[in-house]
N, C-alpha and C. Protein backbone atom coordinates (compact mmCIF):
# COMPACT_ATOMS: atom_id res chain seq x y z
N GLU A 1 16.50 -245.13 88.00
CA GLU A 1 17.32 -244.07 87.43
C GLU A 1 17.84 -243.14 88.53
N ALA A 2 17.03 -242.93 89.58
CA ALA A 2 17.47 -242.07 90.68
C ALA A 2 18.66 -242.69 91.40
N PHE A 3 18.64 -244.02 91.60
CA PHE A 3 19.79 -244.71 92.19
C PHE A 3 21.01 -244.58 91.29
N LEU A 4 20.80 -244.81 90.01
CA LEU A 4 21.90 -244.85 89.05
C LEU A 4 22.58 -243.49 88.92
N VAL A 5 21.78 -242.43 88.80
CA VAL A 5 22.35 -241.10 88.59
C VAL A 5 23.25 -240.68 89.75
N LYS A 6 22.84 -241.01 90.98
CA LYS A 6 23.62 -240.61 92.15
C LYS A 6 24.97 -241.32 92.23
N MET A 7 25.04 -242.55 91.73
CA MET A 7 26.27 -243.33 91.88
C MET A 7 27.07 -243.43 90.59
N MET A 8 26.64 -242.77 89.54
CA MET A 8 27.34 -242.88 88.26
C MET A 8 28.74 -242.28 88.35
N ASN A 9 28.84 -241.04 88.81
CA ASN A 9 30.15 -240.40 88.90
C ASN A 9 31.09 -241.09 89.89
N PRO A 10 30.63 -241.44 91.10
CA PRO A 10 31.53 -242.19 91.99
C PRO A 10 32.02 -243.49 91.38
N PHE A 11 31.17 -244.18 90.62
CA PHE A 11 31.58 -245.42 89.97
C PHE A 11 32.67 -245.17 88.94
N LEU A 12 32.51 -244.12 88.16
CA LEU A 12 33.52 -243.81 87.15
C LEU A 12 34.84 -243.38 87.77
N LEU A 13 34.79 -242.76 88.94
CA LEU A 13 35.99 -242.22 89.57
C LEU A 13 36.69 -243.19 90.51
N ASP A 14 35.94 -244.07 91.16
CA ASP A 14 36.53 -244.98 92.15
C ASP A 14 37.57 -245.90 91.53
N SER A 15 38.49 -246.36 92.37
CA SER A 15 39.57 -247.23 91.90
C SER A 15 39.03 -248.60 91.49
N VAL A 16 39.84 -249.32 90.74
CA VAL A 16 39.43 -250.65 90.28
C VAL A 16 39.24 -251.60 91.47
N ASP A 17 40.09 -251.46 92.47
CA ASP A 17 39.98 -252.30 93.66
C ASP A 17 38.65 -252.10 94.39
N GLU A 18 38.11 -250.89 94.29
CA GLU A 18 36.84 -250.58 94.93
C GLU A 18 35.65 -250.90 94.03
N GLY A 19 35.94 -251.41 92.82
CA GLY A 19 34.87 -251.78 91.89
C GLY A 19 34.56 -250.75 90.84
N GLY A 20 35.29 -249.61 90.86
CA GLY A 20 35.04 -248.56 89.88
C GLY A 20 35.90 -248.71 88.64
N LEU A 21 35.94 -247.63 87.85
CA LEU A 21 36.70 -247.66 86.60
C LEU A 21 37.97 -246.84 86.66
N ALA A 22 38.20 -246.14 87.76
CA ALA A 22 39.44 -245.39 87.98
C ALA A 22 39.73 -244.37 86.88
N LEU A 23 38.71 -243.67 86.44
CA LEU A 23 38.90 -242.64 85.43
C LEU A 23 39.29 -241.33 86.10
N SER A 24 40.01 -240.49 85.37
CA SER A 24 40.37 -239.18 85.90
C SER A 24 39.15 -238.26 85.85
N THR A 25 39.22 -237.19 86.62
CA THR A 25 38.12 -236.21 86.64
C THR A 25 37.91 -235.61 85.25
N GLU A 26 39.00 -235.35 84.56
CA GLU A 26 38.90 -234.78 83.21
C GLU A 26 38.19 -235.74 82.26
N THR A 27 38.54 -237.03 82.35
CA THR A 27 37.93 -238.03 81.48
C THR A 27 36.44 -238.17 81.79
N VAL A 28 36.09 -238.16 83.06
CA VAL A 28 34.68 -238.24 83.44
C VAL A 28 33.92 -237.03 82.91
N GLY A 29 34.57 -235.85 82.96
CA GLY A 29 33.94 -234.65 82.43
C GLY A 29 33.63 -234.77 80.95
N VAL A 30 34.55 -235.38 80.20
CA VAL A 30 34.34 -235.55 78.75
C VAL A 30 33.26 -236.59 78.49
N ILE A 31 33.36 -237.75 79.17
CA ILE A 31 32.44 -238.85 78.89
C ILE A 31 31.03 -238.53 79.37
N TYR A 32 30.91 -238.10 80.61
CA TYR A 32 29.58 -237.86 81.17
C TYR A 32 29.07 -236.44 80.89
N GLY A 33 29.97 -235.46 81.03
CA GLY A 33 29.55 -234.07 80.88
C GLY A 33 29.40 -233.61 79.46
N THR A 34 30.07 -234.28 78.53
CA THR A 34 29.97 -233.86 77.12
C THR A 34 29.23 -234.90 76.29
N ILE A 35 29.79 -236.12 76.22
CA ILE A 35 29.16 -237.17 75.42
C ILE A 35 27.79 -237.52 76.00
N GLY A 36 27.70 -237.65 77.33
CA GLY A 36 26.44 -238.01 77.96
C GLY A 36 25.37 -236.95 77.76
N VAL A 37 25.74 -235.68 77.92
CA VAL A 37 24.77 -234.60 77.74
C VAL A 37 24.30 -234.52 76.29
N ALA A 38 25.23 -234.72 75.36
CA ALA A 38 24.85 -234.71 73.95
C ALA A 38 23.86 -235.84 73.64
N ALA A 39 24.13 -237.04 74.16
CA ALA A 39 23.24 -238.17 73.95
C ALA A 39 21.88 -237.94 74.61
N LEU A 40 21.89 -237.33 75.79
CA LEU A 40 20.65 -237.00 76.49
C LEU A 40 19.80 -236.03 75.67
N THR A 41 20.45 -235.02 75.10
CA THR A 41 19.74 -234.02 74.29
C THR A 41 19.13 -234.64 73.04
N VAL A 42 19.93 -235.47 72.35
CA VAL A 42 19.43 -236.12 71.14
C VAL A 42 18.28 -237.06 71.48
N GLY A 43 18.39 -237.79 72.58
CA GLY A 43 17.31 -238.68 73.00
C GLY A 43 16.04 -237.93 73.29
N GLY A 44 16.15 -236.78 73.97
CA GLY A 44 14.97 -235.97 74.26
C GLY A 44 14.30 -235.44 73.01
N ILE A 45 15.11 -234.99 72.06
CA ILE A 45 14.56 -234.46 70.80
C ILE A 45 13.84 -235.57 70.02
N LEU A 46 14.50 -236.73 69.89
CA LEU A 46 13.88 -237.84 69.17
C LEU A 46 12.64 -238.36 69.91
N GLY A 47 12.66 -238.30 71.24
CA GLY A 47 11.49 -238.70 72.01
C GLY A 47 10.31 -237.81 71.73
N GLY A 48 10.55 -236.50 71.65
CA GLY A 48 9.47 -235.57 71.32
C GLY A 48 8.92 -235.80 69.93
N LEU A 49 9.81 -236.06 68.98
CA LEU A 49 9.35 -236.33 67.60
C LEU A 49 8.55 -237.63 67.53
N ALA A 50 9.01 -238.65 68.26
CA ALA A 50 8.31 -239.92 68.26
C ALA A 50 6.93 -239.81 68.89
N ALA A 51 6.84 -239.06 69.99
CA ALA A 51 5.55 -238.88 70.65
C ALA A 51 4.58 -238.10 69.76
N ALA A 52 5.10 -237.09 69.05
CA ALA A 52 4.24 -236.32 68.16
C ALA A 52 3.75 -237.16 66.99
N ARG A 53 4.53 -238.11 66.57
CA ARG A 53 4.15 -238.95 65.43
C ARG A 53 3.24 -240.11 65.84
N TRP A 54 3.58 -240.78 66.93
CA TRP A 54 2.84 -241.97 67.34
C TRP A 54 1.73 -241.70 68.36
N GLY A 55 1.88 -240.64 69.14
CA GLY A 55 1.00 -240.43 70.28
C GLY A 55 1.58 -241.11 71.51
N LEU A 56 1.16 -240.64 72.69
CA LEU A 56 1.75 -241.14 73.92
C LEU A 56 1.47 -242.62 74.14
N LYS A 57 0.27 -243.07 73.85
CA LYS A 57 -0.09 -244.47 74.12
C LYS A 57 0.80 -245.44 73.34
N LYS A 58 1.01 -245.16 72.07
CA LYS A 58 1.82 -246.05 71.24
C LYS A 58 3.30 -245.96 71.59
N ALA A 59 3.73 -244.78 72.02
CA ALA A 59 5.15 -244.58 72.34
C ALA A 59 5.49 -244.99 73.77
N LEU A 60 4.48 -245.29 74.59
CA LEU A 60 4.71 -245.51 76.01
C LEU A 60 5.65 -246.68 76.28
N TRP A 61 5.39 -247.83 75.66
CA TRP A 61 6.23 -249.01 75.92
C TRP A 61 7.66 -248.86 75.40
N PRO A 62 7.84 -248.39 74.15
CA PRO A 62 9.23 -248.16 73.71
C PRO A 62 10.00 -247.21 74.61
N MET A 63 9.32 -246.19 75.11
CA MET A 63 9.99 -245.21 75.96
C MET A 63 10.25 -245.77 77.36
N ALA A 64 9.31 -246.57 77.86
CA ALA A 64 9.53 -247.20 79.17
C ALA A 64 10.71 -248.15 79.11
N LEU A 65 10.81 -248.91 78.03
CA LEU A 65 11.94 -249.84 77.89
C LEU A 65 13.25 -249.10 77.68
N SER A 66 13.18 -247.94 77.02
CA SER A 66 14.42 -247.17 76.82
C SER A 66 14.91 -246.55 78.13
N LEU A 67 14.02 -246.40 79.10
CA LEU A 67 14.43 -245.93 80.41
C LEU A 67 15.10 -247.04 81.23
N THR A 68 14.66 -248.27 81.02
CA THR A 68 15.09 -249.36 81.89
C THR A 68 16.26 -250.18 81.31
N LEU A 69 16.13 -250.63 80.08
CA LEU A 69 17.13 -251.55 79.52
C LEU A 69 18.55 -250.98 79.43
N PRO A 70 18.72 -249.68 79.08
CA PRO A 70 20.11 -249.17 79.02
C PRO A 70 20.85 -249.22 80.35
N CYS A 71 20.14 -249.39 81.47
CA CYS A 71 20.82 -249.52 82.77
C CYS A 71 21.70 -250.77 82.79
N LEU A 72 21.41 -251.71 81.90
CA LEU A 72 22.25 -252.91 81.80
C LEU A 72 23.68 -252.57 81.41
N SER A 73 23.87 -251.43 80.75
CA SER A 73 25.23 -251.05 80.34
C SER A 73 26.12 -250.85 81.56
N PHE A 74 25.56 -250.40 82.68
CA PHE A 74 26.37 -250.22 83.89
C PHE A 74 26.59 -251.53 84.62
N VAL A 75 25.67 -252.48 84.46
CA VAL A 75 25.92 -253.83 84.97
C VAL A 75 27.13 -254.42 84.24
N PHE A 76 27.19 -254.21 82.94
CA PHE A 76 28.32 -254.68 82.14
C PHE A 76 29.62 -254.00 82.57
N LEU A 77 29.58 -252.67 82.72
CA LEU A 77 30.79 -251.94 83.10
C LEU A 77 31.30 -252.37 84.47
N ALA A 78 30.38 -252.59 85.42
CA ALA A 78 30.80 -252.99 86.77
C ALA A 78 31.34 -254.41 86.79
N ALA A 79 30.78 -255.26 85.95
CA ALA A 79 31.19 -256.67 85.96
C ALA A 79 32.56 -256.86 85.28
N PHE A 80 32.79 -256.13 84.20
CA PHE A 80 34.02 -256.35 83.40
C PHE A 80 35.07 -255.25 83.57
N GLN A 81 34.68 -254.09 84.06
CA GLN A 81 35.59 -252.97 84.28
C GLN A 81 36.54 -252.76 83.09
N PRO A 82 36.00 -252.47 81.93
CA PRO A 82 36.85 -252.31 80.73
C PRO A 82 37.74 -251.08 80.84
N GLU A 83 38.93 -251.20 80.29
CA GLU A 83 39.87 -250.08 80.29
C GLU A 83 39.73 -249.22 79.04
N ASN A 84 39.04 -249.73 78.04
CA ASN A 84 38.84 -249.00 76.79
C ASN A 84 37.85 -247.87 77.01
N LEU A 85 38.30 -246.64 76.78
CA LEU A 85 37.44 -245.47 77.01
C LEU A 85 36.29 -245.40 76.01
N TRP A 86 36.49 -245.96 74.82
CA TRP A 86 35.40 -245.97 73.83
C TRP A 86 34.23 -246.82 74.33
N VAL A 87 34.55 -247.95 74.92
CA VAL A 87 33.49 -248.81 75.46
C VAL A 87 32.74 -248.10 76.57
N THR A 88 33.48 -247.46 77.48
CA THR A 88 32.84 -246.73 78.57
C THR A 88 31.98 -245.59 78.04
N GLY A 89 32.51 -244.85 77.07
CA GLY A 89 31.76 -243.73 76.49
C GLY A 89 30.48 -244.18 75.81
N ILE A 90 30.56 -245.29 75.09
CA ILE A 90 29.36 -245.80 74.40
C ILE A 90 28.30 -246.23 75.40
N CYS A 91 28.74 -246.88 76.48
CA CYS A 91 27.78 -247.33 77.50
C CYS A 91 27.10 -246.15 78.18
N VAL A 92 27.88 -245.13 78.52
CA VAL A 92 27.30 -243.94 79.15
C VAL A 92 26.36 -243.23 78.18
N ALA A 93 26.78 -243.11 76.93
CA ALA A 93 25.94 -242.45 75.92
C ALA A 93 24.64 -243.22 75.71
N LEU A 94 24.71 -244.54 75.70
CA LEU A 94 23.51 -245.36 75.54
C LEU A 94 22.54 -245.15 76.69
N ASP A 95 23.08 -245.13 77.90
CA ASP A 95 22.21 -244.91 79.07
C ASP A 95 21.57 -243.53 79.03
N GLN A 96 22.35 -242.51 78.71
CA GLN A 96 21.81 -241.15 78.69
C GLN A 96 20.83 -240.93 77.54
N PHE A 97 21.10 -241.54 76.40
CA PHE A 97 20.16 -241.45 75.27
C PHE A 97 18.82 -242.09 75.65
N GLY A 98 18.88 -243.27 76.25
CA GLY A 98 17.65 -243.93 76.67
C GLY A 98 16.89 -243.13 77.70
N TYR A 99 17.62 -242.48 78.62
CA TYR A 99 16.97 -241.66 79.63
C TYR A 99 16.27 -240.47 78.98
N GLY A 100 16.94 -239.81 78.05
CA GLY A 100 16.34 -238.66 77.37
C GLY A 100 15.12 -239.05 76.55
N PHE A 101 15.23 -240.18 75.85
CA PHE A 101 14.13 -240.65 75.01
C PHE A 101 12.94 -241.07 75.88
N GLY A 102 13.20 -241.82 76.93
CA GLY A 102 12.12 -242.33 77.75
C GLY A 102 11.48 -241.29 78.65
N PHE A 103 12.26 -240.29 79.08
CA PHE A 103 11.72 -239.27 79.97
C PHE A 103 10.63 -238.44 79.31
N THR A 104 10.63 -238.43 77.98
CA THR A 104 9.58 -237.72 77.25
C THR A 104 8.21 -238.26 77.61
N ALA A 105 8.09 -239.58 77.70
CA ALA A 105 6.81 -240.19 78.05
C ALA A 105 6.39 -239.80 79.47
N TYR A 106 7.36 -239.74 80.36
CA TYR A 106 7.08 -239.36 81.76
C TYR A 106 6.48 -237.96 81.82
N MET A 107 7.13 -237.01 81.15
CA MET A 107 6.66 -235.63 81.18
C MET A 107 5.31 -235.49 80.48
N LEU A 108 5.13 -236.18 79.36
CA LEU A 108 3.85 -236.11 78.66
C LEU A 108 2.72 -236.67 79.50
N TYR A 109 3.00 -237.75 80.23
CA TYR A 109 1.95 -238.33 81.07
C TYR A 109 1.60 -237.39 82.22
N LEU A 110 2.58 -236.69 82.77
CA LEU A 110 2.28 -235.72 83.82
C LEU A 110 1.36 -234.62 83.29
N ILE A 111 1.61 -234.16 82.07
CA ILE A 111 0.75 -233.15 81.45
C ILE A 111 -0.65 -233.72 81.22
N TYR A 112 -0.71 -234.95 80.73
CA TYR A 112 -1.99 -235.61 80.47
C TYR A 112 -2.77 -235.80 81.77
N PHE A 113 -2.09 -236.23 82.82
CA PHE A 113 -2.73 -236.48 84.11
C PHE A 113 -3.21 -235.18 84.75
N SER A 114 -2.49 -234.08 84.49
CA SER A 114 -2.81 -232.80 85.12
C SER A 114 -3.92 -232.05 84.42
N ASP A 115 -4.33 -232.50 83.25
CA ASP A 115 -5.31 -231.77 82.46
C ASP A 115 -6.62 -231.61 83.24
N GLY A 116 -7.15 -230.40 83.24
CA GLY A 116 -8.39 -230.14 83.97
C GLY A 116 -8.51 -228.67 84.30
N GLU A 117 -9.41 -228.38 85.22
CA GLU A 117 -9.69 -226.98 85.55
C GLU A 117 -8.50 -226.29 86.20
N PHE A 118 -7.77 -227.01 87.05
CA PHE A 118 -6.62 -226.43 87.75
C PHE A 118 -5.34 -227.08 87.23
N LYS A 119 -5.17 -226.98 85.93
CA LYS A 119 -4.09 -227.69 85.24
C LYS A 119 -2.71 -227.30 85.76
N THR A 120 -2.47 -226.01 85.93
CA THR A 120 -1.15 -225.54 86.35
C THR A 120 -0.82 -226.03 87.76
N ALA A 121 -1.79 -225.92 88.68
CA ALA A 121 -1.57 -226.37 90.05
C ALA A 121 -1.31 -227.87 90.11
N HIS A 122 -2.09 -228.64 89.35
CA HIS A 122 -1.92 -230.09 89.34
C HIS A 122 -0.56 -230.47 88.77
N TYR A 123 -0.15 -229.78 87.72
CA TYR A 123 1.15 -230.09 87.12
C TYR A 123 2.29 -229.75 88.08
N SER A 124 2.15 -228.66 88.82
CA SER A 124 3.17 -228.30 89.81
C SER A 124 3.29 -229.37 90.88
N LEU A 125 2.16 -229.89 91.33
CA LEU A 125 2.19 -230.96 92.33
C LEU A 125 2.85 -232.21 91.77
N CYS A 126 2.52 -232.54 90.53
CA CYS A 126 3.10 -233.73 89.90
C CYS A 126 4.61 -233.62 89.78
N THR A 127 5.09 -232.46 89.35
CA THR A 127 6.54 -232.29 89.21
C THR A 127 7.23 -232.28 90.58
N ALA A 128 6.52 -231.81 91.61
CA ALA A 128 7.09 -231.85 92.96
C ALA A 128 7.27 -233.30 93.42
N PHE A 129 6.26 -234.14 93.18
CA PHE A 129 6.39 -235.55 93.52
C PHE A 129 7.46 -236.23 92.68
N MET A 130 7.61 -235.78 91.43
CA MET A 130 8.66 -236.33 90.57
C MET A 130 10.03 -236.03 91.16
N ALA A 131 10.22 -234.78 91.61
CA ALA A 131 11.49 -234.40 92.23
C ALA A 131 11.73 -235.19 93.51
N LEU A 132 10.67 -235.40 94.28
CA LEU A 132 10.80 -236.17 95.52
C LEU A 132 11.20 -237.61 95.23
N SER A 133 10.64 -238.16 94.16
CA SER A 133 10.97 -239.55 93.81
C SER A 133 12.42 -239.68 93.34
N MET A 134 13.03 -238.60 92.89
CA MET A 134 14.44 -238.62 92.53
C MET A 134 15.34 -238.42 93.75
N MET A 135 14.84 -237.66 94.74
CA MET A 135 15.66 -237.35 95.91
C MET A 135 15.73 -238.50 96.91
N LEU A 136 14.59 -239.14 97.18
CA LEU A 136 14.55 -240.15 98.23
C LEU A 136 15.47 -241.34 97.95
N PRO A 137 15.43 -241.93 96.73
CA PRO A 137 16.39 -243.02 96.47
C PRO A 137 17.84 -242.53 96.52
N GLY A 138 18.06 -241.29 96.08
CA GLY A 138 19.42 -240.76 96.09
C GLY A 138 19.99 -240.63 97.49
N MET A 139 19.13 -240.44 98.48
CA MET A 139 19.58 -240.29 99.86
C MET A 139 20.19 -241.58 100.42
N VAL A 140 19.73 -242.71 99.90
CA VAL A 140 20.22 -243.99 100.43
C VAL A 140 21.08 -244.75 99.42
N ALA A 141 21.26 -244.17 98.23
CA ALA A 141 22.00 -244.88 97.18
C ALA A 141 23.41 -245.24 97.62
N GLY A 142 24.10 -244.32 98.29
CA GLY A 142 25.47 -244.58 98.73
C GLY A 142 25.55 -245.73 99.73
N TYR A 143 24.60 -245.76 100.67
CA TYR A 143 24.58 -246.84 101.66
C TYR A 143 24.33 -248.20 101.00
N VAL A 144 23.41 -248.21 100.03
CA VAL A 144 23.10 -249.46 99.33
C VAL A 144 24.32 -249.94 98.54
N GLN A 145 25.03 -249.01 97.90
CA GLN A 145 26.21 -249.39 97.12
C GLN A 145 27.32 -249.94 98.02
N GLU A 146 27.54 -249.31 99.16
CA GLU A 146 28.57 -249.80 100.07
C GLU A 146 28.24 -251.18 100.60
N TRP A 147 26.96 -251.44 100.75
CA TRP A 147 26.53 -252.74 101.26
C TRP A 147 26.63 -253.83 100.20
N LEU A 148 26.28 -253.50 98.94
CA LEU A 148 26.21 -254.50 97.88
C LEU A 148 27.46 -254.54 97.00
N GLY A 149 28.17 -253.42 96.86
CA GLY A 149 29.22 -253.35 95.85
C GLY A 149 28.61 -252.88 94.54
N TYR A 150 29.44 -252.42 93.62
CA TYR A 150 28.91 -251.82 92.40
C TYR A 150 28.16 -252.81 91.52
N THR A 151 28.68 -254.01 91.35
CA THR A 151 28.03 -254.97 90.44
C THR A 151 26.63 -255.33 90.93
N LEU A 152 26.52 -255.70 92.19
CA LEU A 152 25.21 -256.04 92.74
C LEU A 152 24.31 -254.81 92.85
N PHE A 153 24.93 -253.65 93.07
CA PHE A 153 24.14 -252.42 93.15
C PHE A 153 23.43 -252.15 91.83
N PHE A 154 24.16 -252.25 90.73
CA PHE A 154 23.54 -252.01 89.42
C PHE A 154 22.54 -253.12 89.07
N GLY A 155 22.80 -254.33 89.57
CA GLY A 155 21.79 -255.38 89.43
C GLY A 155 20.52 -255.04 90.20
N PHE A 156 20.70 -254.47 91.39
CA PHE A 156 19.56 -254.01 92.18
C PHE A 156 18.78 -252.93 91.44
N VAL A 157 19.50 -252.05 90.75
CA VAL A 157 18.84 -251.01 89.94
C VAL A 157 17.95 -251.65 88.87
N MET A 158 18.44 -252.71 88.25
CA MET A 158 17.64 -253.40 87.24
C MET A 158 16.39 -254.02 87.85
N VAL A 159 16.49 -254.54 89.05
CA VAL A 159 15.31 -255.09 89.74
C VAL A 159 14.29 -253.97 89.99
N CYS A 160 14.79 -252.80 90.39
CA CYS A 160 13.89 -251.66 90.60
C CYS A 160 13.19 -251.24 89.31
N CYS A 161 13.82 -251.52 88.17
CA CYS A 161 13.22 -251.16 86.89
C CYS A 161 11.93 -251.95 86.62
N LEU A 162 11.77 -253.07 87.32
CA LEU A 162 10.54 -253.85 87.16
C LEU A 162 9.32 -253.05 87.61
N VAL A 163 9.52 -252.11 88.53
CA VAL A 163 8.42 -251.24 88.96
C VAL A 163 7.95 -250.40 87.78
N THR A 164 8.89 -249.90 86.99
CA THR A 164 8.54 -249.11 85.81
C THR A 164 7.69 -249.93 84.85
N VAL A 165 8.08 -251.18 84.64
CA VAL A 165 7.32 -252.07 83.74
C VAL A 165 5.93 -252.31 84.29
N ALA A 166 5.82 -252.55 85.60
CA ALA A 166 4.52 -252.82 86.22
C ALA A 166 3.59 -251.62 86.11
N VAL A 167 4.12 -250.43 86.38
CA VAL A 167 3.31 -249.22 86.30
C VAL A 167 2.87 -248.95 84.86
N THR A 168 3.76 -249.19 83.91
CA THR A 168 3.42 -248.98 82.50
C THR A 168 2.26 -249.88 82.08
N MET A 169 2.19 -251.07 82.62
CA MET A 169 1.09 -251.98 82.29
C MET A 169 -0.25 -251.47 82.81
N LEU A 170 -0.22 -250.66 83.86
CA LEU A 170 -1.46 -250.17 84.47
C LEU A 170 -1.94 -248.84 83.91
N VAL A 171 -1.05 -248.13 83.23
CA VAL A 171 -1.38 -246.78 82.75
C VAL A 171 -2.36 -246.86 81.59
N LYS A 172 -3.38 -246.00 81.64
CA LYS A 172 -4.35 -245.90 80.54
C LYS A 172 -4.28 -244.50 79.96
N VAL A 173 -4.10 -244.42 78.65
CA VAL A 173 -3.92 -243.14 77.97
C VAL A 173 -4.80 -243.09 76.73
N ASP A 174 -5.33 -241.92 76.44
CA ASP A 174 -6.09 -241.70 75.21
C ASP A 174 -5.17 -241.98 74.01
N PRO A 175 -5.58 -242.86 73.10
CA PRO A 175 -4.71 -243.21 71.96
C PRO A 175 -4.28 -242.02 71.11
N GLU A 176 -5.09 -240.96 71.10
CA GLU A 176 -4.77 -239.80 70.26
C GLU A 176 -3.96 -238.74 70.99
N TYR A 177 -3.78 -238.93 72.31
CA TYR A 177 -3.09 -237.88 73.07
C TYR A 177 -1.62 -237.79 72.68
N GLY A 178 -1.17 -236.57 72.47
CA GLY A 178 0.23 -236.32 72.14
C GLY A 178 0.52 -236.26 70.66
N LYS A 179 -0.39 -236.79 69.84
CA LYS A 179 -0.16 -236.77 68.40
C LYS A 179 -0.24 -235.34 67.88
N LYS A 180 0.62 -235.02 66.96
CA LYS A 180 0.60 -233.70 66.34
C LYS A 180 -0.55 -233.65 65.35
N GLN A 181 -1.42 -232.65 65.52
CA GLN A 181 -2.55 -232.50 64.62
C GLN A 181 -2.11 -231.90 63.30
N LYS A 182 -2.64 -232.46 62.23
CA LYS A 182 -2.39 -231.87 60.92
C LYS A 182 -3.24 -230.61 60.78
N ARG A 183 -2.75 -229.66 60.01
CA ARG A 183 -3.43 -228.38 59.90
C ARG A 183 -4.84 -228.55 59.35
N GLY A 184 -5.00 -229.42 58.40
CA GLY A 184 -6.33 -229.64 57.82
C GLY A 184 -7.31 -230.18 58.83
N GLU A 185 -6.83 -231.10 59.69
CA GLU A 185 -7.70 -231.67 60.72
C GLU A 185 -8.08 -230.63 61.75
N LYS A 186 -7.15 -229.76 62.07
CA LYS A 186 -7.43 -228.74 63.07
C LYS A 186 -8.43 -227.72 62.55
N ASP A 187 -8.30 -227.35 61.31
CA ASP A 187 -9.20 -226.35 60.73
C ASP A 187 -10.62 -226.87 60.59
N ASN A 188 -10.78 -228.19 60.52
CA ASN A 188 -12.10 -228.77 60.35
C ASN A 188 -12.86 -228.94 61.65
N GLU A 189 -12.21 -228.64 62.81
CA GLU A 189 -12.90 -228.76 64.07
C GLU A 189 -14.01 -227.71 64.15
N THR A 190 -15.05 -228.00 64.89
CA THR A 190 -16.16 -227.07 65.05
C THR A 190 -16.41 -226.81 66.52
N CYS A 191 -17.08 -225.71 66.80
CA CYS A 191 -17.41 -225.34 68.17
C CYS A 191 -18.77 -225.90 68.53
N ASP A 192 -18.88 -226.56 69.68
CA ASP A 192 -20.14 -227.11 70.14
C ASP A 192 -20.83 -226.20 71.14
N PHE A 193 -20.26 -225.04 71.41
CA PHE A 193 -20.82 -224.14 72.40
C PHE A 193 -21.49 -222.97 71.71
N SER A 194 -22.46 -222.40 72.38
CA SER A 194 -23.18 -221.25 71.83
C SER A 194 -22.39 -219.98 72.12
N VAL A 195 -21.16 -219.96 71.62
CA VAL A 195 -20.28 -218.80 71.77
C VAL A 195 -19.87 -218.37 70.38
N ALA A 196 -19.99 -217.09 70.10
CA ALA A 196 -19.68 -216.61 68.76
C ALA A 196 -18.19 -216.50 68.57
N CYS A 197 -17.68 -217.08 67.50
CA CYS A 197 -16.26 -216.96 67.19
C CYS A 197 -16.03 -215.61 66.52
N SER A 198 -15.02 -214.91 66.94
CA SER A 198 -14.66 -213.66 66.27
C SER A 198 -13.82 -214.02 65.06
N GLY A 199 -14.31 -213.68 63.88
CA GLY A 199 -13.65 -214.11 62.66
C GLY A 199 -14.21 -215.43 62.21
N THR A 200 -13.51 -216.10 61.34
CA THR A 200 -13.97 -217.39 60.83
C THR A 200 -13.54 -218.50 61.75
N CYS A 201 -14.36 -219.58 61.84
CA CYS A 201 -14.05 -220.70 62.73
C CYS A 201 -12.80 -221.44 62.28
N SER A 202 -12.46 -221.32 61.00
CA SER A 202 -11.25 -221.99 60.53
C SER A 202 -10.00 -221.31 61.09
N ARG A 203 -10.15 -220.07 61.53
CA ARG A 203 -9.01 -219.34 62.07
C ARG A 203 -8.99 -219.37 63.59
N TYR A 204 -10.15 -219.24 64.20
CA TYR A 204 -10.25 -219.28 65.66
C TYR A 204 -11.00 -220.54 66.05
N VAL A 205 -10.26 -221.57 66.39
CA VAL A 205 -10.85 -222.89 66.65
C VAL A 205 -11.02 -223.08 68.15
N CYS A 206 -12.19 -223.61 68.55
CA CYS A 206 -12.44 -223.88 69.98
C CYS A 206 -11.80 -225.21 70.36
N ARG A 207 -10.98 -225.19 71.40
CA ARG A 207 -10.47 -226.45 71.96
C ARG A 207 -11.40 -226.89 73.08
N LEU A 208 -11.82 -228.12 73.02
CA LEU A 208 -12.72 -228.64 74.04
C LEU A 208 -11.95 -229.48 75.03
N ARG A 209 -12.15 -229.25 76.27
CA ARG A 209 -11.53 -230.06 77.30
C ARG A 209 -12.22 -231.40 77.37
N LYS A 210 -11.43 -232.50 77.29
CA LYS A 210 -11.99 -233.84 77.22
C LYS A 210 -12.18 -234.40 78.62
N ASN A 211 -13.16 -233.87 79.31
CA ASN A 211 -13.53 -234.42 80.59
C ASN A 211 -15.04 -234.40 80.74
N GLU A 212 -15.55 -234.69 81.92
CA GLU A 212 -16.96 -234.91 82.11
C GLU A 212 -17.80 -233.67 81.80
N ASP A 213 -17.37 -232.51 82.21
CA ASP A 213 -18.19 -231.32 82.00
C ASP A 213 -18.01 -230.68 80.63
N ALA A 214 -16.93 -231.05 79.90
CA ALA A 214 -16.68 -230.56 78.53
C ALA A 214 -16.82 -229.04 78.45
N GLN A 215 -16.18 -228.33 79.36
CA GLN A 215 -16.26 -226.88 79.36
C GLN A 215 -15.33 -226.30 78.30
N HIS A 216 -15.64 -225.10 77.90
CA HIS A 216 -14.79 -224.41 76.92
C HIS A 216 -13.51 -224.00 77.59
N ARG A 217 -12.35 -224.44 77.08
CA ARG A 217 -11.08 -224.23 77.76
C ARG A 217 -10.44 -222.91 77.33
N ARG A 218 -10.20 -222.73 76.08
CA ARG A 218 -9.55 -221.49 75.64
C ARG A 218 -9.68 -221.36 74.14
N TRP A 219 -9.32 -220.19 73.63
CA TRP A 219 -9.32 -219.95 72.18
C TRP A 219 -7.90 -220.07 71.65
N THR A 220 -7.78 -220.68 70.47
CA THR A 220 -6.47 -220.72 69.82
C THR A 220 -6.62 -220.21 68.41
């Protein structure tokens, strides 16, 4: 995705002879800046709803595939260079929707991985590495595209997507993590610590940190 994002606008703007789609700046603004952003937003919202309903573990594979497979739309665009703006818009919207939907799993896993005593610091480090992983491929994306051409470049992006599939196979997540708790289930939780709840336990519920020391994390 880091390779793709950096070369998306140049691909849409470059001439047909150079392998691009020769769109005007105004058209790119509408397709990518309006339709793409709208699809990205809808994908993110639906991703959050799906994660809350299924939990991260169950949603992980659908979201990983939604990050990778829509990149095929740019392989199609580079190979056939369609002049129909509707086709181009649908392909861009599909890619951005998949990115928004799949990125939900990425962010949720960072939160899950960061959970612990120094949660905020760990999450900051994780997001810093996430930003670095977006910057480093972007630094060489232009050189790779000039070397391969747009069609082979987007094919190379699809090969890189195999890393996402491999990592997803190795990830282990609590099956219940990310699921939205029903109010009745939350109220039935009990405190295992010798700490007095102010008020009734149904109102002030103890959240237990799910790690080795099982320390009391906070009151909600």
